[in-house]
Amino acid sequence: MGKLKAAPGPHSIHLCIDMQRLFDEGGPWPAPWMARVLPTVERLVTHAPERTVFTRFIPPQKPEKATGMWRAYYAKWPRVTRNVMDLSLLRLVPELETFAPPAHVIDKPAYSAFTASALQSYLAEMGVDTLLITGSETDVCVLATVLSAVDLGYRTIVVKDGLCSSSDETHDASLRLYAQRFNVQVELTDAAELIDSWRPDP
C-alpha cells in the first residue's frame, strides 16, 4: 500500500482547507504555489465530490470585532476585514467552486478548521473517522487543522502534493514534523496513491 497503512475506508472524507481567492494570485495573502497544486486538488475532488468538505477562512467585519490577539492581527491587516475587502475574495477558487454542491462548504474564523465552526458536528453526523487533507497553507491553517484532527482521534492522511504555502522552508519543516514526530497519527501520501486506493461509497 506504499506510504498508506491501509486504504481509506468508507467513512473517509476529503477535507480541503481554504482554497480561496483570498490566497490566490492577486489576493492580499497569496500562496504562490496554489496554481501549481490546484490540478492535483481538483483531481481528488473529482474522485469523490460528494465526500469533499471545503473550508473557507472568514475574517471579522473589522479589527475591533476580533478577540484576543486576533484583534492585534487584524490591526496589522485591516484591509483583510469584511468591511473593507472585496467579499468575492472569500469565495473558493473558480475551479473548485463548481463542485459545491455536492461538496459541502464550512466557514471558520481561525486557522484550525475545527475552531468555532460546524465541522466537528458535521463529521459526527456523517460518521466520519478519516480525514484526507489538502489545501492552503501547509504551515498555517493546514498545520492547525492536522493537529486538531490528531487531538480528536481522526485517522489523518496528509496529501503532500495537494498542499500549498508561501514558504518552501516551513512547508518542508511541516512535512518533516508529521513524518518524525507524528508518524503514528499522521500518514503522508500523494494524490495518485490516494485516488488509486480510495473507493468511496456512491
N, C-alpha and C. Protein backbone atom coordinates (compact mmCIF):
# COMPACT_ATOMS: atom_id res chain seq x y z
N MET A 1 0.82 -1.20 0.00
CA MET A 1 0.00 0.00 0.00
C MET A 1 0.86 1.26 0.00
N GLY A 2 2.16 1.11 -0.20
CA GLY A 2 3.03 2.28 -0.27
C GLY A 2 3.10 2.99 1.06
N LYS A 3 2.90 4.28 1.06
CA LYS A 3 3.04 5.08 2.28
C LYS A 3 1.82 4.96 3.18
N LEU A 4 0.68 4.57 2.62
CA LEU A 4 -0.52 4.43 3.44
C LEU A 4 -0.49 3.11 4.20
N LYS A 5 -0.97 3.15 5.44
CA LYS A 5 -1.02 1.93 6.25
C LYS A 5 -2.12 1.00 5.76
N ALA A 6 -3.17 1.59 5.21
CA ALA A 6 -4.29 0.83 4.65
C ALA A 6 -5.08 1.78 3.77
N ALA A 7 -5.89 1.23 2.89
CA ALA A 7 -6.74 2.07 2.06
C ALA A 7 -7.73 2.84 2.94
N PRO A 8 -8.03 4.10 2.58
CA PRO A 8 -9.07 4.82 3.33
C PRO A 8 -10.39 4.06 3.28
N GLY A 9 -11.07 3.99 4.39
CA GLY A 9 -12.32 3.25 4.48
C GLY A 9 -13.53 4.05 4.02
N PRO A 10 -14.72 3.46 4.16
CA PRO A 10 -15.94 4.10 3.67
C PRO A 10 -16.36 5.34 4.47
N HIS A 11 -15.75 5.56 5.62
CA HIS A 11 -16.12 6.71 6.45
C HIS A 11 -15.06 7.82 6.36
N SER A 12 -14.45 7.93 5.19
CA SER A 12 -13.44 8.96 4.94
C SER A 12 -14.05 10.14 4.20
N ILE A 13 -13.48 11.32 4.43
CA ILE A 13 -13.82 12.48 3.61
C ILE A 13 -12.54 13.22 3.24
N HIS A 14 -12.62 13.92 2.12
CA HIS A 14 -11.54 14.82 1.69
C HIS A 14 -11.83 16.19 2.28
N LEU A 15 -10.96 16.65 3.15
CA LEU A 15 -11.09 17.96 3.79
C LEU A 15 -10.10 18.90 3.12
N CYS A 16 -10.62 19.84 2.34
CA CYS A 16 -9.80 20.76 1.55
C CYS A 16 -9.83 22.12 2.22
N ILE A 17 -8.68 22.57 2.68
CA ILE A 17 -8.58 23.75 3.53
C ILE A 17 -8.33 25.03 2.72
N ASP A 18 -9.28 25.94 2.75
CA ASP A 18 -9.08 27.35 2.39
C ASP A 18 -8.49 27.59 1.00
N MET A 19 -8.97 26.85 0.02
CA MET A 19 -8.53 27.10 -1.37
C MET A 19 -9.42 28.22 -1.93
N GLN A 20 -9.15 29.42 -1.47
CA GLN A 20 -9.98 30.59 -1.75
C GLN A 20 -9.23 31.61 -2.60
N ARG A 21 -10.02 32.50 -3.21
CA ARG A 21 -9.43 33.60 -3.98
C ARG A 21 -8.60 34.53 -3.10
N LEU A 22 -8.90 34.55 -1.83
CA LEU A 22 -8.15 35.33 -0.84
C LEU A 22 -6.67 34.97 -0.86
N PHE A 23 -6.36 33.69 -1.14
CA PHE A 23 -4.98 33.20 -1.10
C PHE A 23 -4.42 32.92 -2.49
N ASP A 24 -5.19 33.23 -3.51
CA ASP A 24 -4.74 33.00 -4.88
C ASP A 24 -3.91 34.19 -5.36
N GLU A 25 -3.30 34.04 -6.51
CA GLU A 25 -2.52 35.13 -7.10
C GLU A 25 -3.40 36.37 -7.26
N GLY A 26 -2.92 37.50 -6.82
CA GLY A 26 -3.69 38.74 -6.88
C GLY A 26 -4.46 39.04 -5.62
N GLY A 27 -4.59 38.06 -4.72
CA GLY A 27 -5.25 38.28 -3.45
C GLY A 27 -4.29 38.92 -2.45
N PRO A 28 -4.81 39.38 -1.31
CA PRO A 28 -3.95 40.05 -0.33
C PRO A 28 -2.99 39.12 0.40
N TRP A 29 -3.33 37.82 0.44
CA TRP A 29 -2.47 36.84 1.10
C TRP A 29 -2.12 35.73 0.11
N PRO A 30 -1.40 35.99 -0.95
CA PRO A 30 -1.20 34.97 -1.98
C PRO A 30 -0.29 33.84 -1.52
N ALA A 31 -0.70 32.61 -1.84
CA ALA A 31 0.13 31.43 -1.68
C ALA A 31 0.60 31.06 -3.09
N PRO A 32 1.82 31.39 -3.46
CA PRO A 32 2.25 31.28 -4.85
C PRO A 32 2.12 29.89 -5.45
N TRP A 33 2.13 28.87 -4.61
CA TRP A 33 2.02 27.50 -5.15
C TRP A 33 0.61 27.10 -5.51
N MET A 34 -0.38 27.88 -5.17
CA MET A 34 -1.76 27.42 -5.31
C MET A 34 -2.06 26.96 -6.74
N ALA A 35 -1.63 27.74 -7.72
CA ALA A 35 -1.89 27.36 -9.11
C ALA A 35 -1.24 26.03 -9.45
N ARG A 36 -0.10 25.76 -8.84
CA ARG A 36 0.64 24.53 -9.13
C ARG A 36 -0.07 23.30 -8.57
N VAL A 37 -0.63 23.42 -7.37
CA VAL A 37 -1.26 22.25 -6.74
C VAL A 37 -2.74 22.13 -7.08
N LEU A 38 -3.33 23.17 -7.64
CA LEU A 38 -4.76 23.16 -7.91
C LEU A 38 -5.20 21.98 -8.78
N PRO A 39 -4.50 21.64 -9.87
CA PRO A 39 -4.94 20.48 -10.67
C PRO A 39 -4.96 19.19 -9.86
N THR A 40 -4.01 19.02 -8.95
CA THR A 40 -3.98 17.83 -8.09
C THR A 40 -5.18 17.80 -7.16
N VAL A 41 -5.47 18.94 -6.52
CA VAL A 41 -6.62 19.01 -5.63
C VAL A 41 -7.90 18.76 -6.42
N GLU A 42 -7.99 19.33 -7.60
CA GLU A 42 -9.19 19.16 -8.43
C GLU A 42 -9.39 17.69 -8.80
N ARG A 43 -8.32 16.96 -9.10
CA ARG A 43 -8.46 15.53 -9.41
C ARG A 43 -9.00 14.76 -8.21
N LEU A 44 -8.54 15.11 -7.04
CA LEU A 44 -9.02 14.43 -5.84
C LEU A 44 -10.48 14.77 -5.56
N VAL A 45 -10.86 16.03 -5.76
CA VAL A 45 -12.27 16.42 -5.58
C VAL A 45 -13.14 15.69 -6.60
N THR A 46 -12.70 15.62 -7.84
CA THR A 46 -13.46 14.94 -8.89
C THR A 46 -13.68 13.47 -8.54
N HIS A 47 -12.72 12.87 -7.86
CA HIS A 47 -12.82 11.46 -7.48
C HIS A 47 -14.01 11.21 -6.56
N ALA A 48 -14.33 12.18 -5.70
CA ALA A 48 -15.44 11.99 -4.76
C ALA A 48 -15.98 13.35 -4.30
N PRO A 49 -16.64 14.09 -5.19
CA PRO A 49 -17.12 15.42 -4.79
C PRO A 49 -18.11 15.38 -3.64
N GLU A 50 -18.93 14.34 -3.58
CA GLU A 50 -19.92 14.24 -2.50
C GLU A 50 -19.27 13.88 -1.16
N ARG A 51 -18.00 13.47 -1.18
CA ARG A 51 -17.25 13.17 0.04
C ARG A 51 -16.17 14.22 0.27
N THR A 52 -16.42 15.43 -0.20
CA THR A 52 -15.47 16.54 -0.05
C THR A 52 -16.08 17.63 0.82
N VAL A 53 -15.28 18.17 1.72
CA VAL A 53 -15.65 19.35 2.51
C VAL A 53 -14.61 20.43 2.24
N PHE A 54 -15.08 21.57 1.77
CA PHE A 54 -14.22 22.75 1.61
C PHE A 54 -14.39 23.64 2.83
N THR A 55 -13.28 24.17 3.35
CA THR A 55 -13.39 25.20 4.37
C THR A 55 -13.04 26.56 3.76
N ARG A 56 -13.58 27.60 4.37
CA ARG A 56 -13.25 28.97 3.97
C ARG A 56 -12.88 29.77 5.22
N PHE A 57 -11.77 30.48 5.13
CA PHE A 57 -11.33 31.36 6.21
C PHE A 57 -12.08 32.68 6.08
N ILE A 58 -12.80 33.06 7.14
CA ILE A 58 -13.65 34.26 7.09
C ILE A 58 -13.17 35.26 8.15
N PRO A 59 -12.58 36.37 7.72
CA PRO A 59 -12.13 37.40 8.68
C PRO A 59 -13.32 38.12 9.32
N PRO A 60 -13.07 38.85 10.41
CA PRO A 60 -14.14 39.62 11.05
C PRO A 60 -14.52 40.83 10.20
N GLN A 61 -15.61 41.47 10.57
CA GLN A 61 -16.02 42.67 9.85
C GLN A 61 -15.01 43.80 10.00
N LYS A 62 -14.44 43.94 11.19
CA LYS A 62 -13.42 44.97 11.43
C LYS A 62 -12.55 44.49 12.59
N PRO A 63 -11.34 45.05 12.75
CA PRO A 63 -10.43 44.56 13.79
C PRO A 63 -11.04 44.54 15.18
N GLU A 64 -11.86 45.53 15.51
CA GLU A 64 -12.43 45.60 16.86
C GLU A 64 -13.38 44.44 17.16
N LYS A 65 -13.86 43.77 16.12
CA LYS A 65 -14.76 42.64 16.31
C LYS A 65 -14.02 41.34 16.62
N ALA A 66 -12.70 41.35 16.43
CA ALA A 66 -11.90 40.16 16.73
C ALA A 66 -11.65 40.08 18.23
N THR A 67 -11.25 38.88 18.69
CA THR A 67 -11.00 38.67 20.11
C THR A 67 -9.52 38.41 20.36
N GLY A 68 -9.06 38.77 21.57
CA GLY A 68 -7.70 38.46 21.98
C GLY A 68 -6.66 38.98 21.00
N MET A 69 -5.66 38.13 20.73
CA MET A 69 -4.57 38.52 19.84
C MET A 69 -5.00 38.61 18.38
N TRP A 70 -6.16 38.06 18.06
CA TRP A 70 -6.68 38.26 16.70
C TRP A 70 -6.95 39.74 16.44
N ARG A 71 -7.27 40.50 17.49
CA ARG A 71 -7.50 41.93 17.30
C ARG A 71 -6.22 42.62 16.83
N ALA A 72 -5.09 42.27 17.45
CA ALA A 72 -3.81 42.83 17.01
C ALA A 72 -3.46 42.36 15.60
N TYR A 73 -3.81 41.13 15.30
CA TYR A 73 -3.53 40.58 13.97
C TYR A 73 -4.25 41.40 12.90
N TYR A 74 -5.53 41.66 13.12
CA TYR A 74 -6.30 42.41 12.11
C TYR A 74 -6.04 43.91 12.18
N ALA A 75 -5.47 44.39 13.28
CA ALA A 75 -4.98 45.77 13.28
C ALA A 75 -3.82 45.91 12.30
N LYS A 76 -3.06 44.83 12.15
CA LYS A 76 -1.97 44.81 11.17
C LYS A 76 -2.50 44.64 9.75
N TRP A 77 -3.62 43.91 9.62
CA TRP A 77 -4.19 43.59 8.30
C TRP A 77 -5.62 44.15 8.17
N PRO A 78 -5.85 45.45 8.39
CA PRO A 78 -7.22 45.97 8.35
C PRO A 78 -7.86 45.83 6.97
N ARG A 79 -7.04 45.78 5.91
CA ARG A 79 -7.62 45.68 4.56
C ARG A 79 -8.17 44.29 4.27
N VAL A 80 -7.88 43.34 5.18
CA VAL A 80 -8.44 41.99 5.02
C VAL A 80 -9.50 41.78 6.10
N THR A 81 -10.40 42.74 6.21
CA THR A 81 -11.58 42.61 7.06
C THR A 81 -12.80 42.87 6.18
N ARG A 82 -13.94 42.34 6.58
CA ARG A 82 -15.08 42.32 5.66
C ARG A 82 -15.67 43.68 5.37
N ASN A 83 -15.48 44.65 6.26
CA ASN A 83 -15.99 46.00 5.99
C ASN A 83 -15.22 46.70 4.87
N VAL A 84 -14.01 46.21 4.59
CA VAL A 84 -13.11 46.90 3.66
C VAL A 84 -12.86 46.08 2.40
N MET A 85 -12.71 44.80 2.53
CA MET A 85 -12.22 43.96 1.44
C MET A 85 -13.29 43.68 0.39
N ASP A 86 -12.87 43.24 -0.75
CA ASP A 86 -13.75 42.71 -1.79
C ASP A 86 -14.24 41.34 -1.33
N LEU A 87 -15.52 41.21 -1.01
CA LEU A 87 -16.04 39.98 -0.42
C LEU A 87 -15.97 38.79 -1.36
N SER A 88 -15.80 39.04 -2.65
CA SER A 88 -15.67 37.91 -3.58
C SER A 88 -14.39 37.13 -3.32
N LEU A 89 -13.42 37.74 -2.64
CA LEU A 89 -12.17 37.05 -2.31
C LEU A 89 -12.39 35.91 -1.33
N LEU A 90 -13.51 35.90 -0.63
CA LEU A 90 -13.81 34.83 0.31
C LEU A 90 -14.29 33.57 -0.39
N ARG A 91 -14.65 33.68 -1.64
CA ARG A 91 -15.17 32.52 -2.37
C ARG A 91 -14.04 31.53 -2.68
N LEU A 92 -14.42 30.28 -2.89
CA LEU A 92 -13.45 29.30 -3.37
C LEU A 92 -12.94 29.70 -4.74
N VAL A 93 -11.76 29.21 -5.09
CA VAL A 93 -11.26 29.48 -6.44
C VAL A 93 -12.24 28.88 -7.45
N PRO A 94 -12.37 29.47 -8.63
CA PRO A 94 -13.41 29.04 -9.58
C PRO A 94 -13.36 27.56 -9.92
N GLU A 95 -12.16 26.99 -10.03
CA GLU A 95 -12.05 25.58 -10.42
C GLU A 95 -12.68 24.65 -9.40
N LEU A 96 -12.74 25.07 -8.14
CA LEU A 96 -13.32 24.22 -7.09
C LEU A 96 -14.74 24.62 -6.72
N GLU A 97 -15.08 25.87 -6.91
CA GLU A 97 -16.41 26.35 -6.53
C GLU A 97 -17.51 25.59 -7.26
N THR A 98 -17.23 25.14 -8.48
CA THR A 98 -18.25 24.44 -9.25
C THR A 98 -18.64 23.09 -8.65
N PHE A 99 -17.83 22.58 -7.73
CA PHE A 99 -18.12 21.27 -7.11
C PHE A 99 -19.05 21.38 -5.90
N ALA A 100 -19.36 22.59 -5.46
CA ALA A 100 -20.17 22.77 -4.26
C ALA A 100 -21.51 23.42 -4.59
N PRO A 101 -22.64 22.68 -4.46
CA PRO A 101 -22.70 21.25 -4.14
C PRO A 101 -22.34 20.38 -5.33
N PRO A 102 -22.15 19.06 -5.09
CA PRO A 102 -22.46 18.27 -3.90
C PRO A 102 -21.45 18.40 -2.77
N ALA A 103 -20.26 18.95 -3.02
CA ALA A 103 -19.32 19.17 -1.91
C ALA A 103 -19.93 20.13 -0.90
N HIS A 104 -19.52 19.98 0.34
CA HIS A 104 -20.04 20.79 1.44
C HIS A 104 -19.04 21.90 1.76
N VAL A 105 -19.52 23.07 2.14
CA VAL A 105 -18.65 24.21 2.47
C VAL A 105 -18.89 24.61 3.92
N ILE A 106 -17.81 24.75 4.67
CA ILE A 106 -17.88 25.14 6.08
C ILE A 106 -16.97 26.35 6.30
N ASP A 107 -17.50 27.39 6.91
CA ASP A 107 -16.74 28.60 7.19
C ASP A 107 -16.12 28.53 8.58
N LYS A 108 -14.97 29.19 8.73
CA LYS A 108 -14.26 29.18 10.01
C LYS A 108 -13.59 30.54 10.22
N PRO A 109 -13.41 30.97 11.49
CA PRO A 109 -12.81 32.28 11.75
C PRO A 109 -11.35 32.22 12.17
N ALA A 110 -10.77 31.01 12.24
CA ALA A 110 -9.42 30.86 12.77
C ALA A 110 -8.64 29.86 11.91
N TYR A 111 -7.42 29.59 12.30
CA TYR A 111 -6.57 28.71 11.50
C TYR A 111 -7.13 27.29 11.41
N SER A 112 -7.42 26.68 12.55
CA SER A 112 -7.93 25.31 12.54
C SER A 112 -9.36 25.26 12.01
N ALA A 113 -9.62 24.28 11.17
CA ALA A 113 -10.98 24.11 10.64
C ALA A 113 -11.98 23.70 11.72
N PHE A 114 -11.48 23.28 12.87
CA PHE A 114 -12.37 22.83 13.95
C PHE A 114 -12.74 23.95 14.91
N THR A 115 -12.08 25.10 14.83
CA THR A 115 -12.29 26.17 15.80
C THR A 115 -13.52 27.01 15.43
N ALA A 116 -14.49 27.04 16.35
CA ALA A 116 -15.69 27.88 16.19
C ALA A 116 -16.35 27.67 14.83
N SER A 117 -16.43 26.41 14.40
CA SER A 117 -17.07 26.09 13.12
C SER A 117 -18.01 24.91 13.30
N ALA A 118 -18.72 24.60 12.22
CA ALA A 118 -19.66 23.46 12.25
C ALA A 118 -19.00 22.16 11.83
N LEU A 119 -17.68 22.15 11.67
CA LEU A 119 -17.04 20.96 11.11
C LEU A 119 -17.20 19.72 11.98
N GLN A 120 -16.91 19.82 13.26
CA GLN A 120 -16.96 18.63 14.10
C GLN A 120 -18.36 18.02 14.14
N SER A 121 -19.39 18.85 14.24
CA SER A 121 -20.75 18.31 14.27
C SER A 121 -21.11 17.68 12.93
N TYR A 122 -20.65 18.27 11.84
CA TYR A 122 -20.91 17.69 10.51
C TYR A 122 -20.23 16.34 10.36
N LEU A 123 -18.98 16.24 10.78
CA LEU A 123 -18.27 14.96 10.68
C LEU A 123 -18.93 13.89 11.53
N ALA A 124 -19.39 14.27 12.72
CA ALA A 124 -20.08 13.31 13.58
C ALA A 124 -21.38 12.84 12.94
N GLU A 125 -22.12 13.76 12.37
CA GLU A 125 -23.38 13.42 11.70
C GLU A 125 -23.14 12.45 10.54
N MET A 126 -22.03 12.63 9.84
CA MET A 126 -21.70 11.80 8.69
C MET A 126 -20.97 10.52 9.07
N GLY A 127 -20.65 10.34 10.34
CA GLY A 127 -19.94 9.15 10.78
C GLY A 127 -18.51 9.06 10.29
N VAL A 128 -17.86 10.19 10.10
CA VAL A 128 -16.51 10.23 9.53
C VAL A 128 -15.48 9.81 10.59
N ASP A 129 -14.53 8.97 10.17
CA ASP A 129 -13.42 8.61 11.06
C ASP A 129 -12.05 8.90 10.45
N THR A 130 -12.00 9.29 9.17
CA THR A 130 -10.74 9.51 8.48
C THR A 130 -10.81 10.79 7.66
N LEU A 131 -9.76 11.62 7.77
CA LEU A 131 -9.68 12.87 7.02
C LEU A 131 -8.51 12.80 6.05
N LEU A 132 -8.79 13.13 4.80
CA LEU A 132 -7.78 13.20 3.74
C LEU A 132 -7.58 14.69 3.47
N ILE A 133 -6.44 15.24 3.85
CA ILE A 133 -6.31 16.69 3.96
C ILE A 133 -5.44 17.27 2.85
N THR A 134 -6.00 18.30 2.19
CA THR A 134 -5.28 19.10 1.21
C THR A 134 -5.51 20.58 1.56
N GLY A 135 -4.85 21.49 0.82
CA GLY A 135 -5.23 22.89 0.95
C GLY A 135 -4.10 23.85 1.23
N SER A 136 -4.49 24.99 1.78
CA SER A 136 -3.62 26.15 1.97
C SER A 136 -3.76 26.66 3.42
N GLU A 137 -2.70 27.09 4.05
CA GLU A 137 -1.33 26.86 3.72
C GLU A 137 -0.79 25.73 4.59
N THR A 138 0.17 25.00 4.06
CA THR A 138 0.75 23.85 4.74
C THR A 138 1.12 24.13 6.18
N ASP A 139 1.72 25.29 6.41
CA ASP A 139 2.35 25.61 7.68
C ASP A 139 1.50 26.54 8.56
N VAL A 140 0.26 26.78 8.16
CA VAL A 140 -0.62 27.64 8.98
C VAL A 140 -1.95 26.92 9.19
N CYS A 141 -2.93 27.14 8.32
CA CYS A 141 -4.26 26.57 8.53
C CYS A 141 -4.27 25.04 8.39
N VAL A 142 -3.49 24.51 7.46
CA VAL A 142 -3.42 23.05 7.34
C VAL A 142 -2.77 22.46 8.59
N LEU A 143 -1.68 23.03 9.02
CA LEU A 143 -0.99 22.55 10.22
C LEU A 143 -1.92 22.57 11.43
N ALA A 144 -2.61 23.68 11.66
CA ALA A 144 -3.52 23.79 12.80
C ALA A 144 -4.63 22.75 12.71
N THR A 145 -5.15 22.52 11.52
CA THR A 145 -6.22 21.55 11.34
C THR A 145 -5.73 20.13 11.57
N VAL A 146 -4.55 19.81 11.05
CA VAL A 146 -3.99 18.47 11.26
C VAL A 146 -3.81 18.20 12.75
N LEU A 147 -3.26 19.13 13.49
CA LEU A 147 -3.04 18.91 14.92
C LEU A 147 -4.38 18.78 15.67
N SER A 148 -5.38 19.54 15.27
CA SER A 148 -6.72 19.38 15.87
C SER A 148 -7.29 18.00 15.57
N ALA A 149 -7.13 17.56 14.33
CA ALA A 149 -7.63 16.24 13.94
C ALA A 149 -6.96 15.13 14.73
N VAL A 150 -5.66 15.26 14.94
CA VAL A 150 -4.93 14.29 15.76
C VAL A 150 -5.48 14.28 17.18
N ASP A 151 -5.66 15.45 17.76
CA ASP A 151 -6.19 15.53 19.12
C ASP A 151 -7.57 14.89 19.24
N LEU A 152 -8.38 15.01 18.19
CA LEU A 152 -9.74 14.47 18.22
C LEU A 152 -9.79 13.00 17.84
N GLY A 153 -8.65 12.42 17.47
CA GLY A 153 -8.59 10.99 17.23
C GLY A 153 -8.91 10.53 15.83
N TYR A 154 -8.99 11.44 14.87
CA TYR A 154 -9.25 11.03 13.49
C TYR A 154 -8.01 10.38 12.88
N ARG A 155 -8.24 9.37 12.05
CA ARG A 155 -7.15 8.95 11.17
C ARG A 155 -6.89 10.12 10.22
N THR A 156 -5.66 10.57 10.17
CA THR A 156 -5.33 11.80 9.45
C THR A 156 -4.31 11.50 8.36
N ILE A 157 -4.73 11.71 7.12
CA ILE A 157 -3.89 11.45 5.95
C ILE A 157 -3.63 12.77 5.24
N VAL A 158 -2.37 13.16 5.17
CA VAL A 158 -1.99 14.42 4.54
C VAL A 158 -1.51 14.13 3.12
N VAL A 159 -2.12 14.81 2.15
CA VAL A 159 -1.79 14.62 0.74
C VAL A 159 -0.70 15.62 0.37
N LYS A 160 0.54 15.15 0.30
CA LYS A 160 1.69 16.05 0.19
C LYS A 160 1.64 16.95 -1.05
N ASP A 161 1.23 16.39 -2.18
CA ASP A 161 1.23 17.19 -3.41
C ASP A 161 -0.08 17.95 -3.59
N GLY A 162 -0.92 17.96 -2.56
CA GLY A 162 -2.15 18.74 -2.58
C GLY A 162 -2.10 19.91 -1.60
N LEU A 163 -0.89 20.31 -1.20
CA LEU A 163 -0.71 21.39 -0.24
C LEU A 163 0.02 22.55 -0.90
N CYS A 164 -0.26 23.76 -0.46
CA CYS A 164 0.49 24.92 -0.95
C CYS A 164 0.81 25.85 0.21
N SER A 165 1.87 26.61 0.01
CA SER A 165 2.35 27.54 1.03
C SER A 165 3.01 28.73 0.35
N SER A 166 3.34 29.71 1.14
CA SER A 166 4.14 30.82 0.63
C SER A 166 5.58 30.71 1.09
N SER A 167 5.92 29.59 1.73
CA SER A 167 7.28 29.40 2.25
C SER A 167 7.72 27.97 2.02
N ASP A 168 8.73 27.78 1.20
CA ASP A 168 9.30 26.44 0.99
C ASP A 168 9.84 25.88 2.29
N GLU A 169 10.53 26.70 3.04
CA GLU A 169 11.21 26.23 4.24
C GLU A 169 10.24 25.67 5.27
N THR A 170 9.18 26.41 5.57
CA THR A 170 8.27 25.94 6.61
C THR A 170 7.30 24.88 6.08
N HIS A 171 7.02 24.86 4.78
CA HIS A 171 6.30 23.74 4.17
C HIS A 171 7.07 22.44 4.41
N ASP A 172 8.35 22.44 4.06
CA ASP A 172 9.18 21.25 4.24
C ASP A 172 9.29 20.87 5.71
N ALA A 173 9.43 21.87 6.57
CA ALA A 173 9.53 21.59 8.01
C ALA A 173 8.25 20.96 8.55
N SER A 174 7.11 21.40 8.05
CA SER A 174 5.83 20.83 8.49
C SER A 174 5.74 19.36 8.10
N LEU A 175 6.15 19.02 6.88
CA LEU A 175 6.11 17.63 6.46
C LEU A 175 7.07 16.77 7.28
N ARG A 176 8.24 17.32 7.60
CA ARG A 176 9.18 16.58 8.46
C ARG A 176 8.59 16.38 9.85
N LEU A 177 7.89 17.38 10.36
CA LEU A 177 7.25 17.27 11.67
C LEU A 177 6.27 16.11 11.69
N TYR A 178 5.42 16.01 10.65
CA TYR A 178 4.46 14.90 10.60
C TYR A 178 5.18 13.56 10.54
N ALA A 179 6.21 13.49 9.70
CA ALA A 179 6.90 12.22 9.47
C ALA A 179 7.70 11.77 10.69
N GLN A 180 8.28 12.72 11.43
CA GLN A 180 9.19 12.37 12.50
C GLN A 180 8.55 12.35 13.88
N ARG A 181 7.60 13.24 14.13
CA ARG A 181 7.01 13.35 15.48
C ARG A 181 5.60 12.81 15.57
N PHE A 182 4.89 12.72 14.45
CA PHE A 182 3.50 12.27 14.46
C PHE A 182 3.29 11.06 13.55
N ASN A 183 4.33 10.25 13.39
CA ASN A 183 4.26 9.17 12.40
C ASN A 183 3.25 8.10 12.74
N VAL A 184 2.83 8.00 13.99
CA VAL A 184 1.78 7.04 14.36
C VAL A 184 0.41 7.58 13.99
N GLN A 185 0.22 8.90 14.12
CA GLN A 185 -1.11 9.50 13.97
C GLN A 185 -1.32 10.24 12.66
N VAL A 186 -0.26 10.51 11.93
CA VAL A 186 -0.38 11.21 10.65
C VAL A 186 0.31 10.38 9.57
N GLU A 187 -0.41 10.14 8.48
CA GLU A 187 0.15 9.44 7.33
C GLU A 187 0.35 10.43 6.19
N LEU A 188 1.44 10.27 5.48
CA LEU A 188 1.74 11.10 4.33
C LEU A 188 1.60 10.27 3.06
N THR A 189 0.95 10.85 2.05
CA THR A 189 0.79 10.15 0.79
C THR A 189 0.76 11.19 -0.32
N ASP A 190 0.61 10.72 -1.55
CA ASP A 190 0.38 11.65 -2.65
C ASP A 190 -0.97 11.33 -3.28
N ALA A 191 -1.45 12.23 -4.11
CA ALA A 191 -2.81 12.10 -4.65
C ALA A 191 -2.98 10.85 -5.50
N ALA A 192 -1.95 10.48 -6.26
CA ALA A 192 -2.08 9.31 -7.13
C ALA A 192 -2.32 8.05 -6.32
N GLU A 193 -1.55 7.86 -5.24
CA GLU A 193 -1.75 6.68 -4.39
C GLU A 193 -3.12 6.72 -3.73
N LEU A 194 -3.53 7.90 -3.28
CA LEU A 194 -4.81 8.02 -2.61
C LEU A 194 -5.96 7.69 -3.56
N ILE A 195 -5.94 8.28 -4.75
CA ILE A 195 -7.01 8.02 -5.71
C ILE A 195 -7.05 6.54 -6.09
N ASP A 196 -5.88 5.93 -6.20
CA ASP A 196 -5.82 4.52 -6.56
C ASP A 196 -6.41 3.62 -5.48
N SER A 197 -6.30 4.05 -4.22
CA SER A 197 -6.71 3.16 -3.12
C SER A 197 -8.07 3.49 -2.52
N TRP A 198 -8.55 4.74 -2.70
CA TRP A 198 -9.79 5.18 -2.05
C TRP A 198 -10.98 4.86 -2.94
N ARG A 199 -11.88 4.06 -2.40
CA ARG A 199 -13.11 3.68 -3.11
C ARG A 199 -14.31 4.15 -2.30
N PRO A 200 -14.63 5.43 -2.39
CA PRO A 200 -15.76 5.96 -1.59
C PRO A 200 -17.08 5.36 -2.06
N ASP A 201 -18.00 5.22 -1.12
CA ASP A 201 -19.34 4.76 -1.48
C ASP A 201 -20.02 5.79 -2.33
N PRO A 202 -20.92 5.38 -3.24
CA PRO A 202 -21.68 6.34 -4.03
C PRO A 202 -22.50 7.24 -3.13
